[in-house]
Amino acid sequence: MKKEHEESNRRNFLKLGLLAGTATIAGIGLKNKIFASGTEETGEKVKVLTADGKVVEVDSSAIAHPSEEKLAQFNIREGIPGKKFIMVIDLARCANARKCVEGCQSMHGMLPPIEYLKVKRMQDTELTAPYWFPQTCYQCDNPPCTKVCPVDATFKRTDGIVGIDSDRCIGCKFCMAACPYSARTFNFGRPESQKHFEELKAKGEKDNCCATKPSTEGTVSKCDFCPDHAAKGKLPSCVTECPNGTIFFGDENEDAVTNGDETFRLKELLKSRAGYRQFEELGTKPRVYYLPPVKRQFPFEEATEIHNKAE
């Protein structure tokens, strides 16, 4: 009961730690009762913005900080030595089969509508043809999400991956607002999703595939390139499940990427196929490259048509 009470305090009070000046609460929100019982007032006042848009002034003693002992229980911040993971997506091969999405959800024990990998319909101009655009977290080398987190819950690893520590995350959603690619998702809590995850574990179908712990209610999560699989010589499910070999995964240090059937030199592939990164002008330096949708292998079909054929 004590442990549950401490966890409740951590998630349900100001959820942001002590920030100098004004703090914005954008997670689950403040409870009506702000002050924790048994705490002595310091006399230092802090202004905070509640989830319903009200500015309130509270004593700094009302702000609960997570225990450093609990935060140190799960070390996920070290990258795999010598690795620099990278991904290349060939837009000419994508037919929106959505097997990459389903594979990702199965690997992480997620249920729809939560998707770490989204396939979007794109059309650059009225005169050009539409195409399908798979989008995941870009694991940026200059990630804006890590700079705004007030509790250092999201971080950049040495192997290029941007991870999230769900023990530290307080659900403020600052990282979600800072990400220009909308790559992050918030866990509002779905009992059926947790049940599904536990069922997969019980069947032995859910191993330790992720660089971060599974997200808990009230925290943020996203794609993490599944580096534990890569460390074992396995490719992420989004790569292996695609029937068209659309997604290539590899190590920039080795200058090689593969979709499981084909392997290319990374630099040669990007130069010969005019590879590019989304929103290059933002300076985020994504670790996901795209190959333009020229000489496409499949005619474009709307998602409804594809799904109807699948049924």
C-alpha atoms as a PDB file:
ATOM      1  CA  MET A   1       0.000   0.000   0.000  1.00  0.00           C
ATOM      2  CA  LYS A   2       2.865   2.379   0.831  1.00  0.00           C
ATOM      3  CA  LYS A   3       4.464   1.782  -2.574  1.00  0.00           C
ATOM      4  CA  GLU A   4       1.132   2.420  -4.343  1.00  0.00           C
ATOM      5  CA  HIS A   5       0.648   5.613  -2.316  1.00  0.00           C
ATOM      6  CA  GLU A   6       4.119   6.886  -3.266  1.00  0.00           C
ATOM      7  CA  GLU A   7       3.496   6.109  -6.943  1.00  0.00           C
ATOM      8  CA  SER A   8       0.148   7.898  -6.778  1.00  0.00           C
ATOM      9  CA  ASN A   9       1.797  10.974  -5.254  1.00  0.00           C
ATOM     10  CA  ARG A  10       4.481  10.979  -7.934  1.00  0.00           C
ATOM     11  CA  ARG A  11       2.016  10.824 -10.820  1.00  0.00           C
ATOM     12  CA  ASN A  12      -0.909  12.853  -9.454  1.00  0.00           C
ATOM     13  CA  PHE A  13       0.586  15.902  -7.780  1.00  0.00           C
ATOM     14  CA  LEU A  14       2.254  18.623  -9.826  1.00  0.00           C
ATOM     15  CA  LYS A  15       3.850  16.044 -12.170  1.00  0.00           C
ATOM     16  CA  LEU A  16       6.603  18.389 -13.197  1.00  0.00           C
ATOM     17  CA  GLY A  17       9.113  18.762 -10.386  1.00  0.00           C
ATOM     18  CA  LEU A  18      10.247  22.226  -9.342  1.00  0.00           C
ATOM     19  CA  LEU A  19      10.862  24.437 -12.363  1.00  0.00           C
ATOM     20  CA  ALA A  20      12.111  27.964 -11.856  1.00  0.00           C
ATOM     21  CA  GLY A  21       9.299  30.401 -12.587  1.00  0.00           C
ATOM     22  CA  THR A  22       6.143  29.099 -14.248  1.00  0.00           C
ATOM     23  CA  ALA A  23       5.460  25.437 -14.975  1.00  0.00           C
ATOM     24  CA  THR A  24       2.884  24.026 -17.387  1.00  0.00           C
ATOM     25  CA  ILE A  25       1.025  20.881 -16.453  1.00  0.00           C
ATOM     26  CA  ALA A  26      -0.095  19.014 -19.564  1.00  0.00           C
ATOM     27  CA  GLY A  27      -0.302  15.416 -18.352  1.00  0.00           C
ATOM     28  CA  ILE A  28      -3.164  13.873 -16.388  1.00  0.00           C
ATOM     29  CA  GLY A  29      -3.511  17.161 -14.471  1.00  0.00           C
ATOM     30  CA  LEU A  30      -3.589  18.423 -10.913  1.00  0.00           C
ATOM     31  CA  LYS A  31      -5.849  16.858  -8.369  1.00  0.00           C
ATOM     32  CA  ASN A  32      -8.125  19.173  -6.412  1.00  0.00           C
ATOM     33  CA  LYS A  33      -6.024  18.699  -3.318  1.00  0.00           C
ATOM     34  CA  ILE A  34      -2.549  20.002  -4.106  1.00  0.00           C
ATOM     35  CA  PHE A  35      -0.686  19.863  -0.827  1.00  0.00           C
ATOM     36  CA  ALA A  36       0.692  16.521   0.306  1.00  0.00           C
ATOM     37  CA  SER A  37      -0.191  15.599   3.851  1.00  0.00           C
ATOM     38  CA  GLY A  38       2.553  15.775   6.460  1.00  0.00           C
ATOM     39  CA  THR A  39       4.802  18.193   4.528  1.00  0.00           C
ATOM     40  CA  GLU A  40       6.130  21.423   6.015  1.00  0.00           C
ATOM     41  CA  GLU A  41       5.720  24.593   3.999  1.00  0.00           C
ATOM     42  CA  THR A  42       8.961  26.234   2.884  1.00  0.00           C
ATOM     43  CA  GLY A  43       7.541  29.690   2.228  1.00  0.00           C
ATOM     44  CA  GLU A  44       8.838  29.558  -1.349  1.00  0.00           C
ATOM     45  CA  LYS A  45       5.970  30.039  -3.810  1.00  0.00           C
ATOM     46  CA  VAL A  46       5.805  28.522  -7.277  1.00  0.00           C
ATOM     47  CA  LYS A  47       3.294  29.354 -10.000  1.00  0.00           C
ATOM     48  CA  VAL A  48       1.875  26.444 -11.974  1.00  0.00           C
ATOM     49  CA  LEU A  49      -0.699  26.097 -14.713  1.00  0.00           C
ATOM     50  CA  THR A  50      -3.284  23.384 -14.116  1.00  0.00           C
ATOM     51  CA  ALA A  51      -4.717  21.138 -16.835  1.00  0.00           C
ATOM     52  CA  ASP A  52      -7.936  23.196 -16.908  1.00  0.00           C
ATOM     53  CA  GLY A  53      -6.005  26.409 -17.616  1.00  0.00           C
ATOM     54  CA  LYS A  54      -5.935  27.995 -14.148  1.00  0.00           C
ATOM     55  CA  VAL A  55      -2.780  29.605 -12.760  1.00  0.00           C
ATOM     56  CA  VAL A  56      -2.301  28.739  -9.098  1.00  0.00           C
ATOM     57  CA  GLU A  57       0.439  29.619  -6.639  1.00  0.00           C
ATOM     58  CA  VAL A  58       1.554  26.837  -4.318  1.00  0.00           C
ATOM     59  CA  ASP A  59       4.278  26.248  -1.787  1.00  0.00           C
ATOM     60  CA  SER A  60       7.314  24.423  -3.195  1.00  0.00           C
ATOM     61  CA  SER A  61       6.792  21.683  -0.599  1.00  0.00           C
ATOM     62  CA  ALA A  62       3.728  20.590  -2.593  1.00  0.00           C
ATOM     63  CA  ILE A  63       5.910  19.406  -5.462  1.00  0.00           C
ATOM     64  CA  ALA A  64       6.706  15.723  -5.205  1.00  0.00           C
ATOM     65  CA  HIS A  65      10.021  14.487  -6.614  1.00  0.00           C
ATOM     66  CA  PRO A  66      10.483  10.849  -7.653  1.00  0.00           C
ATOM     67  CA  SER A  67      12.824   8.864  -5.486  1.00  0.00           C
ATOM     68  CA  GLU A  68      16.346   8.669  -6.967  1.00  0.00           C
ATOM     69  CA  GLU A  69      16.521   5.093  -5.705  1.00  0.00           C
ATOM     70  CA  LYS A  70      13.535   4.137  -7.860  1.00  0.00           C
ATOM     71  CA  LEU A  71      14.933   5.994 -10.862  1.00  0.00           C
ATOM     72  CA  ALA A  72      18.192   4.045 -10.703  1.00  0.00           C
ATOM     73  CA  GLN A  73      16.541   0.635 -10.748  1.00  0.00           C
ATOM     74  CA  PHE A  74      16.456   0.341 -14.546  1.00  0.00           C
ATOM     75  CA  ASN A  75      19.493   1.415 -16.561  1.00  0.00           C
ATOM     76  CA  ILE A  76      18.506   1.943 -20.190  1.00  0.00           C
ATOM     77  CA  ARG A  77      20.756   4.837 -21.123  1.00  0.00           C
ATOM     78  CA  GLU A  78      23.815   3.011 -22.425  1.00  0.00           C
ATOM     79  CA  GLY A  79      23.963   2.401 -26.143  1.00  0.00           C
ATOM     80  CA  ILE A  80      25.279  -0.793 -27.730  1.00  0.00           C
ATOM     81  CA  PRO A  81      29.063  -0.269 -28.094  1.00  0.00           C
ATOM     82  CA  GLY A  82      30.320   0.370 -31.617  1.00  0.00           C
ATOM     83  CA  LYS A  83      26.824   0.662 -33.122  1.00  0.00           C
ATOM     84  CA  LYS A  84      25.154   3.596 -34.865  1.00  0.00           C
ATOM     85  CA  PHE A  85      21.749   2.375 -35.985  1.00  0.00           C
ATOM     86  CA  ILE A  86      20.113   3.801 -39.083  1.00  0.00           C
ATOM     87  CA  MET A  87      17.042   3.170 -41.229  1.00  0.00           C
ATOM     88  CA  VAL A  88      16.271   3.699 -44.936  1.00  0.00           C
ATOM     89  CA  ILE A  89      12.711   3.545 -46.312  1.00  0.00           C
ATOM     90  CA  ASP A  90      12.164   2.993 -50.042  1.00  0.00           C
ATOM     91  CA  LEU A  91       8.922   4.796 -50.897  1.00  0.00           C
ATOM     92  CA  ALA A  92       8.815   3.135 -54.326  1.00  0.00           C
ATOM     93  CA  ARG A  93       8.175  -0.210 -52.618  1.00  0.00           C
ATOM     94  CA  CYS A  94       5.457   0.754 -50.132  1.00  0.00           C
ATOM     95  CA  ALA A  95       1.943  -0.471 -51.023  1.00  0.00           C
ATOM     96  CA  ASN A  96       0.457   0.225 -47.564  1.00  0.00           C
ATOM     97  CA  ALA A  97       0.155  -3.462 -46.722  1.00  0.00           C
ATOM     98  CA  ARG A  98       0.429  -2.339 -43.055  1.00  0.00           C
ATOM     99  CA  LYS A  99       2.317  -5.487 -42.095  1.00  0.00           C
ATOM    100  CA  CYS A 100       5.050  -3.245 -40.653  1.00  0.00           C
ATOM    101  CA  VAL A 101       2.489  -1.616 -38.348  1.00  0.00           C
ATOM    102  CA  GLU A 102       1.050  -4.952 -37.252  1.00  0.00           C
ATOM    103  CA  GLY A 103       4.534  -6.386 -36.658  1.00  0.00           C
ATOM    104  CA  CYS A 104       5.497  -3.400 -34.514  1.00  0.00           C
ATOM    105  CA  GLN A 105       2.313  -3.650 -32.461  1.00  0.00           C
ATOM    106  CA  SER A 106       2.818  -7.376 -31.917  1.00  0.00           C
ATOM    107  CA  MET A 107       6.460  -6.897 -30.914  1.00  0.00           C
ATOM    108  CA  HIS A 108       5.586  -4.247 -28.342  1.00  0.00           C
ATOM    109  CA  GLY A 109       2.346  -5.847 -27.155  1.00  0.00           C
ATOM    110  CA  MET A 110       0.222  -2.905 -28.304  1.00  0.00           C
ATOM    111  CA  LEU A 111      -3.354  -2.836 -29.513  1.00  0.00           C
ATOM    112  CA  PRO A 112      -4.909  -0.480 -32.104  1.00  0.00           C
ATOM    113  CA  PRO A 113      -5.298   2.438 -32.383  1.00  0.00           C
ATOM    114  CA  ILE A 114      -1.849   2.961 -30.792  1.00  0.00           C
ATOM    115  CA  GLU A 115       0.816   2.922 -33.501  1.00  0.00           C
ATOM    116  CA  TYR A 116       4.519   3.698 -33.195  1.00  0.00           C
ATOM    117  CA  LEU A 117       4.782   3.386 -36.986  1.00  0.00           C
ATOM    118  CA  LYS A 118       2.234   5.208 -39.134  1.00  0.00           C
ATOM    119  CA  VAL A 119       1.682   4.905 -42.896  1.00  0.00           C
ATOM    120  CA  LYS A 120       0.432   8.199 -44.329  1.00  0.00           C
ATOM    121  CA  ARG A 121      -1.038   9.097 -47.694  1.00  0.00           C
ATOM    122  CA  MET A 122       1.114  11.796 -49.270  1.00  0.00           C
ATOM    123  CA  GLN A 123       0.768  13.919 -52.399  1.00  0.00           C
ATOM    124  CA  ASP A 124       3.298  16.691 -53.004  1.00  0.00           C
ATOM    125  CA  THR A 125       1.205  18.728 -55.488  1.00  0.00           C
ATOM    126  CA  GLU A 126      -2.092  18.461 -57.351  1.00  0.00           C
ATOM    127  CA  LEU A 127      -0.232  17.413 -60.492  1.00  0.00           C
ATOM    128  CA  THR A 128       1.858  14.657 -58.916  1.00  0.00           C
ATOM    129  CA  ALA A 129       0.824  11.145 -57.981  1.00  0.00           C
ATOM    130  CA  PRO A 130       0.023  10.210 -54.375  1.00  0.00           C
ATOM    131  CA  TYR A 131       2.214   7.716 -52.523  1.00  0.00           C
ATOM    132  CA  TRP A 132       2.435   5.962 -49.166  1.00  0.00           C
ATOM    133  CA  PHE A 133       4.811   7.308 -46.521  1.00  0.00           C
ATOM    134  CA  PRO A 134       5.773   5.090 -43.526  1.00  0.00           C
ATOM    135  CA  GLN A 135       6.814   7.265 -40.597  1.00  0.00           C
ATOM    136  CA  THR A 136       8.354   6.272 -37.299  1.00  0.00           C
ATOM    137  CA  CYS A 137      10.506   7.991 -34.684  1.00  0.00           C
ATOM    138  CA  TYR A 138      13.540   9.375 -36.499  1.00  0.00           C
ATOM    139  CA  GLN A 139      15.972   8.963 -33.554  1.00  0.00           C
ATOM    140  CA  CYS A 140      17.330  12.448 -34.304  1.00  0.00           C
ATOM    141  CA  ASP A 141      20.975  13.274 -33.615  1.00  0.00           C
ATOM    142  CA  ASN A 142      19.834  16.753 -32.541  1.00  0.00           C
ATOM    143  CA  PRO A 143      16.541  15.840 -30.862  1.00  0.00           C
ATOM    144  CA  PRO A 144      14.390  18.741 -29.598  1.00  0.00           C
ATOM    145  CA  CYS A 145      12.416  16.320 -27.396  1.00  0.00           C
ATOM    146  CA  THR A 146      15.352  15.663 -25.058  1.00  0.00           C
ATOM    147  CA  LYS A 147      15.976  19.375 -24.516  1.00  0.00           C
ATOM    148  CA  VAL A 148      12.516  20.179 -23.142  1.00  0.00           C
ATOM    149  CA  CYS A 149      12.047  17.243 -20.762  1.00  0.00           C
ATOM    150  CA  PRO A 150      12.106  18.702 -17.216  1.00  0.00           C
ATOM    151  CA  VAL A 151      13.098  15.415 -15.525  1.00  0.00           C
ATOM    152  CA  ASP A 152      15.609  13.963 -18.024  1.00  0.00           C
ATOM    153  CA  ALA A 153      13.243  11.098 -18.886  1.00  0.00           C
ATOM    154  CA  THR A 154      14.083  11.132 -22.594  1.00  0.00           C
ATOM    155  CA  PHE A 155      17.676  10.914 -23.722  1.00  0.00           C
ATOM    156  CA  LYS A 156      20.064  10.207 -26.602  1.00  0.00           C
ATOM    157  CA  ARG A 157      22.053   6.961 -26.526  1.00  0.00           C
ATOM    158  CA  THR A 158      25.536   6.449 -27.948  1.00  0.00           C
ATOM    159  CA  ASP A 159      24.166   4.051 -30.600  1.00  0.00           C
ATOM    160  CA  GLY A 160      21.962   6.803 -32.030  1.00  0.00           C
ATOM    161  CA  ILE A 161      18.700   5.821 -30.361  1.00  0.00           C
ATOM    162  CA  VAL A 162      16.493   8.276 -28.482  1.00  0.00           C
ATOM    163  CA  GLY A 163      15.041   6.426 -25.500  1.00  0.00           C
ATOM    164  CA  ILE A 164      12.445   7.083 -22.809  1.00  0.00           C
ATOM    165  CA  ASP A 165      12.737   6.089 -19.155  1.00  0.00           C
ATOM    166  CA  SER A 166       9.151   5.363 -18.114  1.00  0.00           C
ATOM    167  CA  ASP A 167      10.165   5.470 -14.430  1.00  0.00           C
ATOM    168  CA  ARG A 168      11.203   9.100 -14.801  1.00  0.00           C
ATOM    169  CA  CYS A 169       8.450  10.189 -17.195  1.00  0.00           C
ATOM    170  CA  ILE A 170       5.830  12.359 -15.502  1.00  0.00           C
ATOM    171  CA  GLY A 171       3.507  12.673 -18.506  1.00  0.00           C
ATOM    172  CA  CYS A 172       3.898  16.425 -19.004  1.00  0.00           C
ATOM    173  CA  LYS A 173       3.879  15.929 -22.811  1.00  0.00           C
ATOM    174  CA  PHE A 174       6.538  18.593 -23.403  1.00  0.00           C
ATOM    175  CA  CYS A 175       8.464  16.128 -25.586  1.00  0.00           C
ATOM    176  CA  MET A 176       5.350  15.450 -27.663  1.00  0.00           C
ATOM    177  CA  ALA A 177       4.905  19.168 -28.280  1.00  0.00           C
ATOM    178  CA  ALA A 178       8.580  19.605 -29.188  1.00  0.00           C
ATOM    179  CA  CYS A 179       8.741  16.745 -31.710  1.00  0.00           C
ATOM    180  CA  PRO A 180       8.132  18.164 -35.223  1.00  0.00           C
ATOM    181  CA  TYR A 181       7.318  14.671 -36.520  1.00  0.00           C
ATOM    182  CA  SER A 182       4.547  13.743 -34.036  1.00  0.00           C
ATOM    183  CA  ALA A 183       6.380  10.494 -33.334  1.00  0.00           C
ATOM    184  CA  ARG A 184       5.360  10.108 -29.698  1.00  0.00           C
ATOM    185  CA  THR A 185       2.201   8.744 -28.129  1.00  0.00           C
ATOM    186  CA  PHE A 186       0.656   9.154 -24.671  1.00  0.00           C
ATOM    187  CA  ASN A 187      -0.573   6.208 -22.646  1.00  0.00           C
ATOM    188  CA  PHE A 188      -3.998   7.217 -21.321  1.00  0.00           C
ATOM    189  CA  GLY A 189      -4.485   3.760 -19.866  1.00  0.00           C
ATOM    190  CA  ARG A 190      -6.287   0.862 -21.519  1.00  0.00           C
ATOM    191  CA  PRO A 191      -6.829  -2.200 -19.313  1.00  0.00           C
ATOM    192  CA  GLU A 192      -7.331  -4.427 -22.354  1.00  0.00           C
ATOM    193  CA  SER A 193      -3.935  -3.380 -23.734  1.00  0.00           C
ATOM    194  CA  GLN A 194      -2.141  -4.297 -20.495  1.00  0.00           C
ATOM    195  CA  LYS A 195      -4.010  -7.604 -20.421  1.00  0.00           C
ATOM    196  CA  HIS A 196      -2.909  -8.296 -23.999  1.00  0.00           C
ATOM    197  CA  PHE A 197       0.719  -7.559 -23.074  1.00  0.00           C
ATOM    198  CA  GLU A 198       0.588  -9.892 -20.077  1.00  0.00           C
ATOM    199  CA  GLU A 199      -0.970 -12.654 -22.194  1.00  0.00           C
ATOM    200  CA  LEU A 200       1.895 -12.402 -24.697  1.00  0.00           C
ATOM    201  CA  LYS A 201       4.431 -12.624 -21.881  1.00  0.00           C
ATOM    202  CA  ALA A 202       2.701 -15.669 -20.408  1.00  0.00           C
ATOM    203  CA  LYS A 203       2.823 -17.401 -23.799  1.00  0.00           C
ATOM    204  CA  GLY A 204       6.509 -16.584 -24.159  1.00  0.00           C
ATOM    205  CA  GLU A 205       5.765 -14.465 -27.227  1.00  0.00           C
ATOM    206  CA  LYS A 206       6.947 -11.244 -25.608  1.00  0.00           C
ATOM    207  CA  ASP A 207      10.657 -11.045 -24.888  1.00  0.00           C
ATOM    208  CA  ASN A 208      12.844  -8.138 -23.837  1.00  0.00           C
ATOM    209  CA  CYS A 209      12.893  -6.554 -27.285  1.00  0.00           C
ATOM    210  CA  CYS A 210      12.845  -2.923 -26.372  1.00  0.00           C
ATOM    211  CA  ALA A 211      15.436  -0.373 -25.284  1.00  0.00           C
ATOM    212  CA  THR A 212      12.925   1.033 -22.835  1.00  0.00           C
ATOM    213  CA  LYS A 213      10.524  -0.545 -20.402  1.00  0.00           C
ATOM    214  CA  PRO A 214       6.934  -0.846 -21.651  1.00  0.00           C
ATOM    215  CA  SER A 215       5.148   2.436 -21.038  1.00  0.00           C
ATOM    216  CA  THR A 216       2.813   2.740 -18.085  1.00  0.00           C
ATOM    217  CA  GLU A 217      -0.360   4.749 -17.755  1.00  0.00           C
ATOM    218  CA  GLY A 218       0.330   8.471 -17.709  1.00  0.00           C
ATOM    219  CA  THR A 219       3.643   8.283 -19.599  1.00  0.00           C
ATOM    220  CA  VAL A 220       4.908   8.856 -23.134  1.00  0.00           C
ATOM    221  CA  SER A 221       6.260   6.136 -25.439  1.00  0.00           C
ATOM    222  CA  LYS A 222       7.457   5.719 -29.025  1.00  0.00           C
ATOM    223  CA  CYS A 223       9.479   3.606 -31.465  1.00  0.00           C
ATOM    224  CA  ASP A 224      13.002   2.838 -30.255  1.00  0.00           C
ATOM    225  CA  PHE A 225      14.440   0.846 -33.213  1.00  0.00           C
ATOM    226  CA  CYS A 226      14.261  -2.333 -31.042  1.00  0.00           C
ATOM    227  CA  PRO A 227      18.043  -2.379 -30.391  1.00  0.00           C
ATOM    228  CA  ASP A 228      17.956  -5.451 -28.164  1.00  0.00           C
ATOM    229  CA  HIS A 229      16.910  -7.413 -31.237  1.00  0.00           C
ATOM    230  CA  ALA A 230      19.728  -5.837 -33.233  1.00  0.00           C
ATOM    231  CA  ALA A 231      22.208  -6.827 -30.542  1.00  0.00           C
ATOM    232  CA  LYS A 232      21.120 -10.431 -31.075  1.00  0.00           C
ATOM    233  CA  GLY A 233      21.494 -10.181 -34.846  1.00  0.00           C
ATOM    234  CA  LYS A 234      17.750  -9.801 -35.421  1.00  0.00           C
ATOM    235  CA  LEU A 235      15.957  -7.156 -37.449  1.00  0.00           C
ATOM    236  CA  PRO A 236      12.982  -5.176 -36.110  1.00  0.00           C
ATOM    237  CA  SER A 237       9.587  -6.626 -36.992  1.00  0.00           C
ATOM    238  CA  CYS A 238       8.717  -3.611 -39.108  1.00  0.00           C
ATOM    239  CA  VAL A 239      11.564  -4.690 -41.409  1.00  0.00           C
ATOM    240  CA  THR A 240      10.943  -8.424 -41.511  1.00  0.00           C
ATOM    241  CA  GLU A 241       7.130  -8.282 -41.748  1.00  0.00           C
ATOM    242  CA  CYS A 242       7.008  -6.020 -44.796  1.00  0.00           C
ATOM    243  CA  PRO A 243       6.229  -8.235 -47.826  1.00  0.00           C
ATOM    244  CA  ASN A 244       7.835  -5.757 -50.235  1.00  0.00           C
ATOM    245  CA  GLY A 245      11.186  -5.137 -48.549  1.00  0.00           C
ATOM    246  CA  THR A 246      10.383  -1.447 -48.077  1.00  0.00           C
ATOM    247  CA  ILE A 247      12.361  -0.837 -44.859  1.00  0.00           C
ATOM    248  CA  PHE A 248      16.134  -1.255 -44.567  1.00  0.00           C
ATOM    249  CA  PHE A 249      17.886  -1.299 -41.199  1.00  0.00           C
ATOM    250  CA  GLY A 250      21.555  -1.305 -40.369  1.00  0.00           C
ATOM    251  CA  ASP A 251      24.642   0.206 -38.812  1.00  0.00           C
ATOM    252  CA  GLU A 252      26.074   3.466 -40.133  1.00  0.00           C
ATOM    253  CA  ASN A 253      29.496   2.515 -38.779  1.00  0.00           C
ATOM    254  CA  GLU A 254      29.462  -0.572 -41.001  1.00  0.00           C
ATOM    255  CA  ASP A 255      28.026   1.441 -43.928  1.00  0.00           C
ATOM    256  CA  ALA A 256      25.444  -1.287 -44.523  1.00  0.00           C
ATOM    257  CA  VAL A 257      21.659  -1.641 -44.438  1.00  0.00           C
ATOM    258  CA  THR A 258      19.448  -4.654 -45.143  1.00  0.00           C
ATOM    259  CA  ASN A 259      15.790  -5.624 -45.394  1.00  0.00           C
ATOM    260  CA  GLY A 260      16.620  -9.265 -44.658  1.00  0.00           C
ATOM    261  CA  ASP A 261      16.852 -10.292 -48.322  1.00  0.00           C
ATOM    262  CA  GLU A 262      18.915  -7.498 -49.864  1.00  0.00           C
ATOM    263  CA  THR A 263      21.930  -5.671 -48.453  1.00  0.00           C
ATOM    264  CA  PHE A 264      23.332  -2.375 -49.701  1.00  0.00           C
ATOM    265  CA  ARG A 265      26.172  -0.029 -48.913  1.00  0.00           C
ATOM    266  CA  LEU A 266      24.435   2.838 -47.125  1.00  0.00           C
ATOM    267  CA  LYS A 267      26.342   5.697 -48.758  1.00  0.00           C
ATOM    268  CA  GLU A 268      26.062   4.239 -52.250  1.00  0.00           C
ATOM    269  CA  LEU A 269      22.330   3.609 -51.837  1.00  0.00           C
ATOM    270  CA  LEU A 270      21.624   7.158 -50.657  1.00  0.00           C
ATOM    271  CA  LYS A 271      23.718   8.730 -53.428  1.00  0.00           C
ATOM    272  CA  SER A 272      22.396   6.581 -56.280  1.00  0.00           C
ATOM    273  CA  ARG A 273      18.751   6.921 -55.208  1.00  0.00           C
ATOM    274  CA  ALA A 274      18.844  10.574 -54.044  1.00  0.00           C
ATOM    275  CA  GLY A 275      18.109   9.724 -50.423  1.00  0.00           C
ATOM    276  CA  TYR A 276      16.816  12.507 -48.198  1.00  0.00           C
ATOM    277  CA  ARG A 277      15.595  13.195 -44.649  1.00  0.00           C
ATOM    278  CA  GLN A 278      12.269  14.773 -43.753  1.00  0.00           C
ATOM    279  CA  PHE A 279      12.356  18.457 -42.783  1.00  0.00           C
ATOM    280  CA  GLU A 280      16.117  18.713 -43.196  1.00  0.00           C
ATOM    281  CA  GLU A 281      15.878  22.465 -42.681  1.00  0.00           C
ATOM    282  CA  LEU A 282      14.922  21.981 -39.013  1.00  0.00           C
ATOM    283  CA  GLY A 283      18.407  20.773 -38.141  1.00  0.00           C
ATOM    284  CA  THR A 284      17.162  17.768 -36.128  1.00  0.00           C
ATOM    285  CA  LYS A 285      19.421  15.383 -38.111  1.00  0.00           C
ATOM    286  CA  PRO A 286      17.111  12.344 -38.327  1.00  0.00           C
ATOM    287  CA  ARG A 287      18.552   8.835 -38.520  1.00  0.00           C
ATOM    288  CA  VAL A 288      15.848   7.748 -40.977  1.00  0.00           C
ATOM    289  CA  TYR A 289      16.387   8.371 -44.699  1.00  0.00           C
ATOM    290  CA  TYR A 290      13.858   8.125 -47.527  1.00  0.00           C
ATOM    291  CA  LEU A 291      14.305   7.056 -51.137  1.00  0.00           C
ATOM    292  CA  PRO A 292      11.923   8.964 -53.470  1.00  0.00           C
ATOM    293  CA  PRO A 293       8.872   7.116 -54.875  1.00  0.00           C
ATOM    294  CA  VAL A 294      10.095   6.936 -58.478  1.00  0.00           C
ATOM    295  CA  LYS A 295       9.531   3.922 -60.769  1.00  0.00           C
ATOM    296  CA  ARG A 296       7.206   2.480 -58.169  1.00  0.00           C
ATOM    297  CA  GLN A 297       6.790  -1.265 -57.997  1.00  0.00           C
ATOM    298  CA  PHE A 298       3.049  -1.041 -57.301  1.00  0.00           C
ATOM    299  CA  PRO A 299       0.227   1.162 -58.575  1.00  0.00           C
ATOM    300  CA  PHE A 300      -1.180   3.453 -55.919  1.00  0.00           C
ATOM    301  CA  GLU A 301      -4.364   2.202 -54.275  1.00  0.00           C
ATOM    302  CA  GLU A 302      -6.355   3.929 -51.577  1.00  0.00           C
ATOM    303  CA  ALA A 303      -6.265   2.307 -48.146  1.00  0.00           C
ATOM    304  CA  THR A 304      -9.964   1.395 -48.224  1.00  0.00           C
ATOM    305  CA  GLU A 305      -9.499  -0.529 -51.462  1.00  0.00           C
ATOM    306  CA  ILE A 306      -6.479  -2.410 -50.127  1.00  0.00           C
ATOM    307  CA  HIS A 307      -8.252  -3.326 -46.908  1.00  0.00           C
ATOM    308  CA  ASN A 308     -11.319  -4.516 -48.772  1.00  0.00           C
ATOM    309  CA  LYS A 309      -9.172  -6.804 -50.927  1.00  0.00           C
ATOM    310  CA  ALA A 310      -7.445  -8.140 -47.821  1.00  0.00           C
ATOM    311  CA  GLU A 311     -10.807  -9.042 -46.341  1.00  0.00           C
END
